Amino acid sequence: MSENSFNSEASSDDSIESSPIIMESEKEKETEKIKESNKMRKTPKSPEKITKKNLNLISSISDILNTILESNKKLKNLKEILKAQSKMNFSSNTIPNISIKDYLIRILTYSCVEKSTLILALILIDRVTKKSNFILTYYNIHRVLFTAVLISIKYNEDSYFDNNYYAQIAGVKAHELKILEYNFLEFCDFNVFVKNEIYEQYEKYLSDE
């Protein structure tokens, strides 16, 4: 809407004498709309059915991440790495009970992310580990994975929920999720752009898995 049309509409409204009862009724309706909207954002919606195609993608991503974790588990200086990374926001005190695959299924079930978003998340994780020498372990993979997916959602998709909603899916508090987002973006120098050819390489690799 142009500025002129906005001003014209406003001046038209000013010339109408509204009834206090009508105005109060409209306020109540608007309040109810806001409450309903907030309720939807704070409560995870009904689970969505995972398609076979998406399940195959989830399996490929989880297999890749599990392979990396098993390889890192054999590092000679793993104890030193775990001790150093224990101070970071991504590390949990204990290894989460949910598997990577089931965690990805949970994310996809409640957030309905696009295939390209999941692929972008994997690319970003790969970028972070290469740029910052950050080591993926069973203690940090869940938070790293969800943060990568969340950033990818906000970058790649047209609409998304607020952090209160996603925090419930992730199993962390909203303010913690905000910190994780910032830390992750720091690791990748606040650059989440991916060239088409890079994306296509990852997409092909995942489809071949």
N, C-alpha and C. Protein backbone atom coordinates (compact mmCIF):
# COMPACT_ATOMS: atom_id res chain seq x y z
N MET A 1 0.84 -1.19 0.00
CA MET A 1 0.00 0.00 0.00
C MET A 1 0.87 1.24 0.00
N SER A 2 0.60 2.18 -0.86
CA SER A 2 1.41 3.39 -0.95
C SER A 2 1.12 4.32 0.18
N GLU A 3 2.03 5.30 0.39
CA GLU A 3 1.87 6.26 1.49
C GLU A 3 0.62 7.09 1.27
N ASN A 4 0.35 7.47 0.03
CA ASN A 4 -0.81 8.30 -0.26
C ASN A 4 -2.11 7.56 0.06
N SER A 5 -2.19 6.30 -0.34
CA SER A 5 -3.40 5.54 -0.07
C SER A 5 -3.59 5.33 1.42
N PHE A 6 -2.49 5.15 2.16
CA PHE A 6 -2.56 4.99 3.61
C PHE A 6 -3.12 6.26 4.25
N ASN A 7 -2.59 7.42 3.86
CA ASN A 7 -3.07 8.68 4.40
C ASN A 7 -4.53 8.91 4.05
N SER A 8 -4.90 8.52 2.86
CA SER A 8 -6.27 8.70 2.42
C SER A 8 -7.21 7.85 3.25
N GLU A 9 -6.78 6.61 3.52
CA GLU A 9 -7.60 5.70 4.32
C GLU A 9 -7.72 6.19 5.74
N ALA A 10 -6.64 6.71 6.28
CA ALA A 10 -6.64 7.20 7.65
C ALA A 10 -7.58 8.38 7.80
N SER A 11 -7.55 9.33 6.84
CA SER A 11 -8.39 10.50 6.92
C SER A 11 -9.85 10.13 6.80
N SER A 12 -10.13 9.06 6.03
CA SER A 12 -11.49 8.59 5.88
C SER A 12 -12.01 8.03 7.19
N ASP A 13 -11.14 7.26 7.90
CA ASP A 13 -11.53 6.68 9.19
C ASP A 13 -11.78 7.76 10.22
N ASP A 14 -10.98 8.83 10.18
CA ASP A 14 -11.11 9.91 11.16
C ASP A 14 -12.46 10.61 11.05
N SER A 15 -13.06 10.56 9.88
CA SER A 15 -14.31 11.28 9.67
C SER A 15 -15.51 10.49 10.15
N ILE A 16 -15.27 9.20 10.53
CA ILE A 16 -16.37 8.36 10.99
C ILE A 16 -16.41 8.37 12.51
N GLU A 17 -17.56 8.63 13.05
CA GLU A 17 -17.73 8.63 14.51
C GLU A 17 -18.12 7.23 14.95
N SER A 18 -17.18 6.50 15.59
CA SER A 18 -17.43 5.12 15.99
C SER A 18 -18.09 5.05 17.35
N SER A 19 -18.96 4.06 17.52
CA SER A 19 -19.62 3.84 18.80
C SER A 19 -18.63 3.21 19.77
N PRO A 20 -18.60 3.66 21.04
CA PRO A 20 -17.70 3.08 22.04
C PRO A 20 -17.92 1.58 22.21
N ILE A 21 -19.18 1.15 22.08
CA ILE A 21 -19.51 -0.28 22.23
C ILE A 21 -18.90 -1.08 21.09
N ILE A 22 -19.01 -0.54 19.87
CA ILE A 22 -18.45 -1.21 18.70
C ILE A 22 -16.93 -1.27 18.81
N MET A 23 -16.33 -0.14 19.24
CA MET A 23 -14.88 -0.09 19.37
C MET A 23 -14.38 -1.11 20.40
N GLU A 24 -15.10 -1.22 21.51
CA GLU A 24 -14.71 -2.16 22.56
C GLU A 24 -14.84 -3.60 22.07
N SER A 25 -15.90 -3.85 21.28
CA SER A 25 -16.11 -5.18 20.72
C SER A 25 -14.98 -5.56 19.78
N GLU A 26 -14.56 -4.59 18.96
CA GLU A 26 -13.46 -4.84 18.02
C GLU A 26 -12.15 -5.13 18.77
N LYS A 27 -11.94 -4.41 19.86
CA LYS A 27 -10.74 -4.62 20.67
C LYS A 27 -10.71 -6.03 21.24
N GLU A 28 -11.90 -6.49 21.72
CA GLU A 28 -12.00 -7.83 22.29
C GLU A 28 -11.70 -8.90 21.24
N LYS A 29 -12.24 -8.67 20.03
CA LYS A 29 -11.99 -9.62 18.94
C LYS A 29 -10.51 -9.68 18.61
N GLU A 30 -9.87 -8.52 18.56
CA GLU A 30 -8.45 -8.45 18.22
C GLU A 30 -7.61 -9.13 19.29
N THR A 31 -8.01 -8.94 20.56
CA THR A 31 -7.29 -9.56 21.68
C THR A 31 -7.39 -11.08 21.59
N GLU A 32 -8.58 -11.58 21.26
CA GLU A 32 -8.78 -13.02 21.13
C GLU A 32 -7.93 -13.59 20.00
N LYS A 33 -7.83 -12.82 18.89
CA LYS A 33 -7.01 -13.26 17.76
C LYS A 33 -5.55 -13.39 18.16
N ILE A 34 -5.07 -12.39 18.93
CA ILE A 34 -3.68 -12.39 19.38
C ILE A 34 -3.43 -13.56 20.32
N LYS A 35 -4.38 -13.81 21.24
CA LYS A 35 -4.24 -14.92 22.17
C LYS A 35 -4.19 -16.25 21.44
N GLU A 36 -5.07 -16.40 20.45
CA GLU A 36 -5.12 -17.64 19.69
C GLU A 36 -3.85 -17.84 18.89
N SER A 37 -3.32 -16.74 18.34
CA SER A 37 -2.08 -16.80 17.58
C SER A 37 -0.92 -17.21 18.47
N ASN A 38 -0.85 -16.61 19.65
CA ASN A 38 0.23 -16.94 20.59
C ASN A 38 0.11 -18.38 21.07
N LYS A 39 -1.13 -18.82 21.25
CA LYS A 39 -1.35 -20.19 21.69
C LYS A 39 -0.83 -21.17 20.66
N MET A 40 -1.10 -20.89 19.40
CA MET A 40 -0.63 -21.75 18.31
C MET A 40 0.88 -21.77 18.24
N ARG A 41 1.49 -20.61 18.51
CA ARG A 41 2.94 -20.53 18.41
C ARG A 41 3.63 -21.22 19.58
N LYS A 42 2.98 -21.26 20.74
CA LYS A 42 3.62 -21.83 21.92
C LYS A 42 3.38 -23.34 22.03
N THR A 43 2.36 -23.84 21.36
CA THR A 43 2.02 -25.25 21.46
C THR A 43 2.31 -25.96 20.15
N PRO A 44 3.18 -26.97 20.17
CA PRO A 44 3.47 -27.71 18.95
C PRO A 44 2.19 -28.23 18.31
N LYS A 45 2.06 -28.06 17.01
CA LYS A 45 0.86 -28.49 16.32
C LYS A 45 0.83 -30.00 16.19
N SER A 46 -0.27 -30.49 15.66
CA SER A 46 -0.44 -31.93 15.50
C SER A 46 0.66 -32.50 14.61
N PRO A 47 1.15 -33.68 14.93
CA PRO A 47 2.23 -34.27 14.14
C PRO A 47 1.85 -34.43 12.67
N GLU A 48 2.81 -34.19 11.80
CA GLU A 48 2.63 -34.39 10.37
C GLU A 48 3.22 -35.74 9.98
N LYS A 49 2.59 -36.39 9.02
CA LYS A 49 3.08 -37.68 8.56
C LYS A 49 4.36 -37.49 7.74
N ILE A 50 5.39 -38.26 8.05
CA ILE A 50 6.65 -38.18 7.33
C ILE A 50 6.58 -39.03 6.06
N THR A 51 6.88 -38.42 4.94
CA THR A 51 6.86 -39.16 3.68
C THR A 51 8.07 -40.08 3.58
N LYS A 52 7.97 -41.08 2.75
CA LYS A 52 9.07 -42.03 2.57
C LYS A 52 10.32 -41.31 2.04
N LYS A 53 10.10 -40.33 1.16
CA LYS A 53 11.21 -39.57 0.59
C LYS A 53 11.96 -38.80 1.68
N ASN A 54 11.20 -38.15 2.56
CA ASN A 54 11.82 -37.39 3.64
C ASN A 54 12.48 -38.32 4.66
N LEU A 55 11.88 -39.48 4.86
CA LEU A 55 12.45 -40.45 5.80
C LEU A 55 13.80 -40.96 5.28
N ASN A 56 13.89 -41.14 3.98
CA ASN A 56 15.16 -41.56 3.37
C ASN A 56 16.23 -40.48 3.56
N LEU A 57 15.83 -39.22 3.41
CA LEU A 57 16.77 -38.11 3.59
C LEU A 57 17.24 -38.05 5.04
N ILE A 58 16.30 -38.22 5.96
CA ILE A 58 16.63 -38.22 7.39
C ILE A 58 17.61 -39.35 7.71
N SER A 59 17.37 -40.51 7.14
CA SER A 59 18.25 -41.66 7.37
C SER A 59 19.66 -41.38 6.85
N SER A 60 19.74 -40.74 5.69
CA SER A 60 21.05 -40.42 5.10
C SER A 60 21.82 -39.43 5.96
N ILE A 61 21.13 -38.39 6.41
CA ILE A 61 21.77 -37.37 7.25
C ILE A 61 22.21 -37.96 8.58
N SER A 62 21.35 -38.76 9.20
CA SER A 62 21.70 -39.35 10.50
C SER A 62 22.85 -40.34 10.35
N ASP A 63 22.89 -41.07 9.25
CA ASP A 63 23.99 -42.02 9.01
C ASP A 63 25.33 -41.28 8.89
N ILE A 64 25.31 -40.17 8.16
CA ILE A 64 26.53 -39.36 7.98
C ILE A 64 27.00 -38.82 9.33
N LEU A 65 26.09 -38.27 10.09
CA LEU A 65 26.45 -37.68 11.39
C LEU A 65 26.93 -38.76 12.36
N ASN A 66 26.29 -39.91 12.36
CA ASN A 66 26.71 -41.00 13.24
C ASN A 66 28.10 -41.51 12.87
N THR A 67 28.40 -41.52 11.58
CA THR A 67 29.73 -41.94 11.13
C THR A 67 30.80 -40.97 11.64
N ILE A 68 30.47 -39.68 11.56
CA ILE A 68 31.40 -38.65 12.06
C ILE A 68 31.60 -38.79 13.57
N LEU A 69 30.51 -39.01 14.29
CA LEU A 69 30.58 -39.13 15.75
C LEU A 69 31.41 -40.35 16.17
N GLU A 70 31.21 -41.45 15.48
CA GLU A 70 31.96 -42.66 15.80
C GLU A 70 33.45 -42.47 15.51
N SER A 71 33.74 -41.73 14.44
CA SER A 71 35.14 -41.45 14.10
C SER A 71 35.77 -40.54 15.15
N ASN A 72 35.03 -39.49 15.56
CA ASN A 72 35.55 -38.57 16.57
C ASN A 72 35.70 -39.24 17.94
N LYS A 73 34.89 -40.25 18.16
CA LYS A 73 34.93 -40.98 19.42
C LYS A 73 36.27 -41.69 19.62
N LYS A 74 36.95 -41.94 18.51
CA LYS A 74 38.23 -42.65 18.55
C LYS A 74 39.44 -41.72 18.63
N LEU A 75 39.20 -40.42 18.68
CA LEU A 75 40.30 -39.46 18.76
C LEU A 75 41.10 -39.67 20.05
N LYS A 76 42.39 -39.60 19.95
CA LYS A 76 43.26 -39.85 21.11
C LYS A 76 43.07 -38.79 22.20
N ASN A 77 42.80 -37.55 21.76
CA ASN A 77 42.65 -36.46 22.74
C ASN A 77 41.18 -36.15 23.02
N LEU A 78 40.33 -37.17 22.89
CA LEU A 78 38.89 -36.96 23.08
C LEU A 78 38.55 -36.41 24.46
N LYS A 79 39.24 -36.90 25.49
CA LYS A 79 38.95 -36.43 26.85
C LYS A 79 39.23 -34.94 27.00
N GLU A 80 40.34 -34.50 26.40
CA GLU A 80 40.68 -33.08 26.46
C GLU A 80 39.66 -32.24 25.68
N ILE A 81 39.21 -32.79 24.56
CA ILE A 81 38.22 -32.10 23.73
C ILE A 81 36.90 -31.95 24.48
N LEU A 82 36.47 -33.04 25.09
CA LEU A 82 35.21 -33.02 25.84
C LEU A 82 35.27 -32.05 27.01
N LYS A 83 36.42 -32.01 27.67
CA LYS A 83 36.59 -31.10 28.80
C LYS A 83 36.55 -29.65 28.34
N ALA A 84 37.22 -29.36 27.22
CA ALA A 84 37.26 -28.00 26.69
C ALA A 84 35.88 -27.56 26.19
N GLN A 85 35.18 -28.48 25.54
CA GLN A 85 33.88 -28.13 24.96
C GLN A 85 32.75 -28.19 25.96
N SER A 86 33.01 -28.74 27.15
CA SER A 86 31.96 -28.83 28.17
C SER A 86 31.52 -27.45 28.64
N LYS A 87 32.40 -26.46 28.44
CA LYS A 87 32.08 -25.09 28.84
C LYS A 87 31.24 -24.36 27.79
N MET A 88 31.08 -24.99 26.63
CA MET A 88 30.34 -24.36 25.55
C MET A 88 28.85 -24.64 25.71
N ASN A 89 28.02 -23.74 25.17
CA ASN A 89 26.57 -23.86 25.31
C ASN A 89 25.99 -25.07 24.59
N PHE A 90 26.70 -25.59 23.60
CA PHE A 90 26.19 -26.71 22.82
C PHE A 90 26.29 -28.04 23.56
N SER A 91 27.17 -28.13 24.54
CA SER A 91 27.42 -29.41 25.21
C SER A 91 26.45 -29.67 26.34
N SER A 92 25.94 -30.90 26.38
CA SER A 92 25.08 -31.35 27.47
C SER A 92 25.93 -32.10 28.49
N ASN A 93 25.44 -32.17 29.70
CA ASN A 93 26.17 -32.90 30.74
C ASN A 93 26.11 -34.40 30.51
N THR A 94 25.02 -34.84 29.90
CA THR A 94 24.85 -36.26 29.59
C THR A 94 24.44 -36.41 28.12
N ILE A 95 24.62 -37.60 27.60
CA ILE A 95 24.23 -37.86 26.21
C ILE A 95 22.71 -38.04 26.16
N PRO A 96 22.02 -37.28 25.32
CA PRO A 96 20.56 -37.41 25.21
C PRO A 96 20.14 -38.82 24.82
N ASN A 97 19.00 -39.26 25.33
CA ASN A 97 18.54 -40.62 25.07
C ASN A 97 18.02 -40.82 23.64
N ILE A 98 17.56 -39.76 23.01
CA ILE A 98 16.99 -39.86 21.67
C ILE A 98 18.08 -39.93 20.60
N SER A 99 17.91 -40.82 19.65
CA SER A 99 18.88 -40.96 18.57
C SER A 99 18.81 -39.78 17.61
N ILE A 100 19.84 -39.62 16.80
CA ILE A 100 19.85 -38.52 15.83
C ILE A 100 18.70 -38.66 14.85
N LYS A 101 18.48 -39.89 14.39
CA LYS A 101 17.40 -40.13 13.43
C LYS A 101 16.04 -39.78 14.03
N ASP A 102 15.79 -40.25 15.24
CA ASP A 102 14.51 -39.95 15.90
C ASP A 102 14.36 -38.47 16.20
N TYR A 103 15.47 -37.83 16.50
CA TYR A 103 15.45 -36.38 16.76
C TYR A 103 15.10 -35.61 15.49
N LEU A 104 15.66 -36.04 14.37
CA LEU A 104 15.34 -35.43 13.08
C LEU A 104 13.88 -35.67 12.71
N ILE A 105 13.39 -36.85 13.01
CA ILE A 105 11.98 -37.16 12.74
C ILE A 105 11.09 -36.24 13.57
N ARG A 106 11.47 -36.03 14.82
CA ARG A 106 10.70 -35.13 15.70
C ARG A 106 10.70 -33.71 15.14
N ILE A 107 11.86 -33.24 14.70
CA ILE A 107 11.97 -31.89 14.13
C ILE A 107 11.08 -31.75 12.91
N LEU A 108 11.17 -32.73 12.02
CA LEU A 108 10.40 -32.67 10.78
C LEU A 108 8.90 -32.83 11.04
N THR A 109 8.57 -33.65 12.02
CA THR A 109 7.17 -33.90 12.36
C THR A 109 6.46 -32.63 12.82
N TYR A 110 7.13 -31.85 13.64
CA TYR A 110 6.47 -30.68 14.23
C TYR A 110 6.78 -29.36 13.54
N SER A 111 7.79 -29.32 12.70
CA SER A 111 8.10 -28.05 12.03
C SER A 111 7.87 -28.11 10.52
N CYS A 112 7.70 -29.32 9.98
CA CYS A 112 7.39 -29.49 8.56
C CYS A 112 8.37 -28.74 7.67
N VAL A 113 9.64 -28.88 7.93
CA VAL A 113 10.65 -28.16 7.15
C VAL A 113 10.79 -28.78 5.76
N GLU A 114 11.26 -27.98 4.84
CA GLU A 114 11.46 -28.45 3.48
C GLU A 114 12.75 -29.27 3.37
N LYS A 115 12.81 -30.08 2.34
CA LYS A 115 13.98 -30.92 2.09
C LYS A 115 15.24 -30.07 1.98
N SER A 116 15.14 -28.95 1.26
CA SER A 116 16.29 -28.08 1.05
C SER A 116 16.81 -27.50 2.36
N THR A 117 15.91 -27.32 3.32
CA THR A 117 16.29 -26.78 4.63
C THR A 117 17.16 -27.78 5.39
N LEU A 118 16.80 -29.05 5.34
CA LEU A 118 17.58 -30.08 6.01
C LEU A 118 18.96 -30.23 5.38
N ILE A 119 19.01 -30.15 4.06
CA ILE A 119 20.29 -30.24 3.36
C ILE A 119 21.17 -29.04 3.71
N LEU A 120 20.56 -27.86 3.74
CA LEU A 120 21.30 -26.65 4.11
C LEU A 120 21.85 -26.77 5.53
N ALA A 121 21.08 -27.35 6.43
CA ALA A 121 21.52 -27.53 7.82
C ALA A 121 22.78 -28.39 7.88
N LEU A 122 22.81 -29.45 7.09
CA LEU A 122 23.99 -30.32 7.07
C LEU A 122 25.20 -29.58 6.51
N ILE A 123 24.97 -28.78 5.48
CA ILE A 123 26.06 -27.98 4.89
C ILE A 123 26.63 -27.02 5.93
N LEU A 124 25.76 -26.39 6.70
CA LEU A 124 26.20 -25.43 7.71
C LEU A 124 26.98 -26.12 8.83
N ILE A 125 26.54 -27.30 9.22
CA ILE A 125 27.28 -28.06 10.24
C ILE A 125 28.68 -28.39 9.73
N ASP A 126 28.74 -28.81 8.48
CA ASP A 126 30.03 -29.12 7.87
C ASP A 126 30.91 -27.87 7.82
N ARG A 127 30.31 -26.74 7.51
CA ARG A 127 31.05 -25.48 7.44
C ARG A 127 31.60 -25.08 8.80
N VAL A 128 30.78 -25.23 9.81
CA VAL A 128 31.18 -24.86 11.17
C VAL A 128 32.35 -25.71 11.66
N THR A 129 32.28 -27.02 11.42
CA THR A 129 33.34 -27.91 11.89
C THR A 129 34.66 -27.65 11.16
N LYS A 130 34.58 -27.20 9.93
CA LYS A 130 35.80 -26.92 9.16
C LYS A 130 36.40 -25.56 9.52
N LYS A 131 35.54 -24.57 9.71
CA LYS A 131 36.02 -23.21 9.97
C LYS A 131 36.51 -23.01 11.39
N SER A 132 35.87 -23.67 12.33
CA SER A 132 36.17 -23.39 13.74
C SER A 132 36.89 -24.53 14.45
N ASN A 133 37.13 -25.64 13.73
CA ASN A 133 37.73 -26.83 14.35
C ASN A 133 36.86 -27.37 15.49
N PHE A 134 35.58 -27.10 15.38
CA PHE A 134 34.63 -27.59 16.37
C PHE A 134 34.42 -29.09 16.16
N ILE A 135 34.54 -29.85 17.24
CA ILE A 135 34.43 -31.31 17.14
C ILE A 135 33.03 -31.77 17.55
N LEU A 136 32.39 -32.50 16.66
CA LEU A 136 31.07 -33.04 16.96
C LEU A 136 31.20 -34.26 17.87
N THR A 137 30.41 -34.30 18.93
CA THR A 137 30.41 -35.44 19.84
C THR A 137 28.96 -35.79 20.18
N TYR A 138 28.79 -36.91 20.85
CA TYR A 138 27.44 -37.33 21.25
C TYR A 138 26.86 -36.37 22.30
N TYR A 139 27.72 -35.55 22.90
CA TYR A 139 27.27 -34.60 23.92
C TYR A 139 26.74 -33.29 23.31
N ASN A 140 27.13 -32.99 22.09
CA ASN A 140 26.71 -31.70 21.52
C ASN A 140 25.91 -31.80 20.21
N ILE A 141 25.86 -32.99 19.61
CA ILE A 141 25.28 -33.11 18.27
C ILE A 141 23.81 -32.68 18.20
N HIS A 142 23.03 -32.98 19.23
CA HIS A 142 21.60 -32.64 19.19
C HIS A 142 21.37 -31.14 19.15
N ARG A 143 22.10 -30.41 20.00
CA ARG A 143 21.94 -28.95 20.02
C ARG A 143 22.51 -28.31 18.75
N VAL A 144 23.63 -28.85 18.29
CA VAL A 144 24.23 -28.34 17.05
C VAL A 144 23.27 -28.57 15.89
N LEU A 145 22.73 -29.77 15.82
CA LEU A 145 21.82 -30.13 14.72
C LEU A 145 20.58 -29.26 14.72
N PHE A 146 19.96 -29.11 15.88
CA PHE A 146 18.72 -28.32 15.91
C PHE A 146 19.00 -26.85 15.59
N THR A 147 20.10 -26.33 16.10
CA THR A 147 20.44 -24.93 15.82
C THR A 147 20.67 -24.72 14.33
N ALA A 148 21.35 -25.66 13.70
CA ALA A 148 21.60 -25.57 12.26
C ALA A 148 20.28 -25.61 11.49
N VAL A 149 19.37 -26.47 11.91
CA VAL A 149 18.07 -26.57 11.25
C VAL A 149 17.28 -25.27 11.44
N LEU A 150 17.30 -24.73 12.65
CA LEU A 150 16.56 -23.51 12.93
C LEU A 150 17.07 -22.33 12.10
N ILE A 151 18.37 -22.18 12.03
CA ILE A 151 18.96 -21.11 11.22
C ILE A 151 18.61 -21.30 9.75
N SER A 152 18.62 -22.54 9.31
CA SER A 152 18.27 -22.86 7.92
C SER A 152 16.81 -22.55 7.63
N ILE A 153 15.95 -22.83 8.60
CA ILE A 153 14.52 -22.51 8.45
C ILE A 153 14.34 -21.01 8.25
N LYS A 154 14.99 -20.23 9.10
CA LYS A 154 14.83 -18.78 9.04
C LYS A 154 15.44 -18.18 7.78
N TYR A 155 16.46 -18.84 7.26
CA TYR A 155 17.12 -18.34 6.05
C TYR A 155 16.42 -18.81 4.78
N ASN A 156 15.91 -20.03 4.82
CA ASN A 156 15.46 -20.68 3.59
C ASN A 156 13.95 -20.68 3.38
N GLU A 157 13.18 -20.56 4.44
CA GLU A 157 11.73 -20.71 4.30
C GLU A 157 10.99 -19.38 4.44
N ASP A 158 9.84 -19.31 3.81
CA ASP A 158 9.07 -18.06 3.76
C ASP A 158 8.42 -17.72 5.10
N SER A 159 8.03 -18.72 5.85
CA SER A 159 7.38 -18.46 7.13
C SER A 159 7.86 -19.47 8.17
N TYR A 160 7.83 -19.06 9.42
CA TYR A 160 8.26 -19.94 10.50
C TYR A 160 7.69 -19.44 11.81
N PHE A 161 7.76 -20.29 12.85
CA PHE A 161 7.25 -19.94 14.17
C PHE A 161 8.31 -19.16 14.96
N ASP A 162 7.94 -18.73 16.15
CA ASP A 162 8.91 -18.02 16.98
C ASP A 162 9.74 -19.04 17.77
N ASN A 163 10.74 -18.54 18.49
CA ASN A 163 11.66 -19.43 19.20
C ASN A 163 11.00 -20.18 20.36
N ASN A 164 9.91 -19.65 20.90
CA ASN A 164 9.20 -20.35 21.97
C ASN A 164 8.68 -21.70 21.47
N TYR A 165 8.18 -21.68 20.23
CA TYR A 165 7.67 -22.90 19.62
C TYR A 165 8.79 -23.90 19.36
N TYR A 166 9.86 -23.41 18.73
CA TYR A 166 10.96 -24.31 18.38
C TYR A 166 11.70 -24.83 19.61
N ALA A 167 11.70 -24.04 20.68
CA ALA A 167 12.37 -24.46 21.91
C ALA A 167 11.71 -25.71 22.49
N GLN A 168 10.38 -25.79 22.33
CA GLN A 168 9.67 -26.96 22.83
C GLN A 168 10.04 -28.21 22.03
N ILE A 169 10.24 -28.03 20.74
CA ILE A 169 10.64 -29.16 19.89
C ILE A 169 12.07 -29.60 20.25
N ALA A 170 12.93 -28.60 20.45
CA ALA A 170 14.34 -28.89 20.73
C ALA A 170 14.57 -29.45 22.12
N GLY A 171 13.69 -29.09 23.05
CA GLY A 171 13.87 -29.52 24.43
C GLY A 171 14.80 -28.62 25.22
N VAL A 172 14.86 -27.34 24.80
CA VAL A 172 15.66 -26.35 25.53
C VAL A 172 14.80 -25.12 25.78
N LYS A 173 15.31 -24.20 26.58
CA LYS A 173 14.58 -22.96 26.84
C LYS A 173 14.79 -21.97 25.69
N ALA A 174 13.82 -21.09 25.49
CA ALA A 174 13.85 -20.16 24.36
C ALA A 174 15.09 -19.26 24.40
N HIS A 175 15.46 -18.79 25.60
CA HIS A 175 16.62 -17.90 25.69
C HIS A 175 17.92 -18.65 25.41
N GLU A 176 17.94 -19.95 25.74
CA GLU A 176 19.11 -20.77 25.42
C GLU A 176 19.24 -20.95 23.91
N LEU A 177 18.11 -21.14 23.27
CA LEU A 177 18.10 -21.33 21.82
C LEU A 177 18.63 -20.09 21.10
N LYS A 178 18.29 -18.94 21.63
CA LYS A 178 18.76 -17.68 21.06
C LYS A 178 20.30 -17.59 21.15
N ILE A 179 20.83 -18.01 22.28
CA ILE A 179 22.29 -18.00 22.47
C ILE A 179 22.96 -18.98 21.52
N LEU A 180 22.35 -20.16 21.38
CA LEU A 180 22.90 -21.18 20.48
C LEU A 180 22.93 -20.68 19.04
N GLU A 181 21.87 -19.99 18.64
CA GLU A 181 21.83 -19.41 17.30
C GLU A 181 23.00 -18.46 17.07
N TYR A 182 23.21 -17.59 18.04
CA TYR A 182 24.28 -16.59 17.91
C TYR A 182 25.65 -17.27 17.88
N ASN A 183 25.85 -18.25 18.77
CA ASN A 183 27.13 -18.97 18.81
C ASN A 183 27.41 -19.68 17.49
N PHE A 184 26.38 -20.30 16.95
CA PHE A 184 26.53 -21.03 15.69
C PHE A 184 26.87 -20.08 14.56
N LEU A 185 26.19 -18.94 14.51
CA LEU A 185 26.46 -17.95 13.46
C LEU A 185 27.87 -17.39 13.59
N GLU A 186 28.33 -17.25 14.83
CA GLU A 186 29.72 -16.82 15.04
C GLU A 186 30.70 -17.82 14.44
N PHE A 187 30.42 -19.10 14.66
CA PHE A 187 31.29 -20.16 14.15
C PHE A 187 31.42 -20.12 12.62
N CYS A 188 30.32 -19.76 11.95
CA CYS A 188 30.38 -19.74 10.48
C CYS A 188 30.49 -18.30 9.95
N ASP A 189 31.03 -17.42 10.79
CA ASP A 189 31.29 -16.03 10.39
C ASP A 189 30.04 -15.31 9.87
N PHE A 190 28.91 -15.68 10.42
CA PHE A 190 27.62 -15.07 10.07
C PHE A 190 27.33 -15.17 8.57
N ASN A 191 27.83 -16.23 7.97
CA ASN A 191 27.61 -16.45 6.55
C ASN A 191 26.90 -17.78 6.34
N VAL A 192 25.65 -17.75 5.94
CA VAL A 192 24.88 -18.98 5.72
C VAL A 192 24.51 -19.15 4.25
N PHE A 193 25.08 -18.30 3.41
CA PHE A 193 24.84 -18.42 1.97
C PHE A 193 25.55 -19.65 1.42
N VAL A 194 24.86 -20.38 0.56
CA VAL A 194 25.44 -21.57 -0.06
C VAL A 194 25.25 -21.49 -1.57
N LYS A 195 26.33 -21.67 -2.30
CA LYS A 195 26.25 -21.63 -3.76
C LYS A 195 25.46 -22.83 -4.27
N ASN A 196 24.81 -22.64 -5.40
CA ASN A 196 23.98 -23.70 -5.98
C ASN A 196 24.75 -24.98 -6.23
N GLU A 197 25.97 -24.84 -6.75
CA GLU A 197 26.75 -26.04 -7.06
C GLU A 197 27.12 -26.83 -5.81
N ILE A 198 27.36 -26.11 -4.70
CA ILE A 198 27.66 -26.79 -3.44
C ILE A 198 26.43 -27.53 -2.94
N TYR A 199 25.30 -26.85 -2.98
CA TYR A 199 24.05 -27.48 -2.55
C TYR A 199 23.76 -28.73 -3.37
N GLU A 200 23.94 -28.64 -4.66
CA GLU A 200 23.66 -29.77 -5.56
C GLU A 200 24.58 -30.95 -5.28
N GLN A 201 25.83 -30.66 -4.90
CA GLN A 201 26.77 -31.73 -4.56
C GLN A 201 26.27 -32.50 -3.33
N TYR A 202 25.84 -31.76 -2.31
CA TYR A 202 25.33 -32.38 -1.09
C TYR A 202 24.03 -33.14 -1.37
N GLU A 203 23.17 -32.55 -2.16
CA GLU A 203 21.89 -33.18 -2.49
C GLU A 203 22.11 -34.51 -3.20
N LYS A 204 23.03 -34.52 -4.16
CA LYS A 204 23.34 -35.75 -4.90
C LYS A 204 23.95 -36.79 -3.98
N TYR A 205 24.86 -36.35 -3.14
CA TYR A 205 25.52 -37.28 -2.22
C TYR A 205 24.51 -37.94 -1.28
N LEU A 206 23.58 -37.13 -0.78
CA LEU A 206 22.57 -37.65 0.14
C LEU A 206 21.61 -38.59 -0.56
N SER A 207 21.29 -38.30 -1.79
CA SER A 207 20.36 -39.15 -2.54
C SER A 207 21.01 -40.49 -2.91
N ASP A 208 22.35 -40.50 -2.97
CA ASP A 208 23.09 -41.72 -3.31
C ASP A 208 23.33 -42.61 -2.10
N GLU A 209 23.12 -42.02 -0.92
CA GLU A 209 23.41 -42.77 0.31
C GLU A 209 22.46 -43.97 0.47
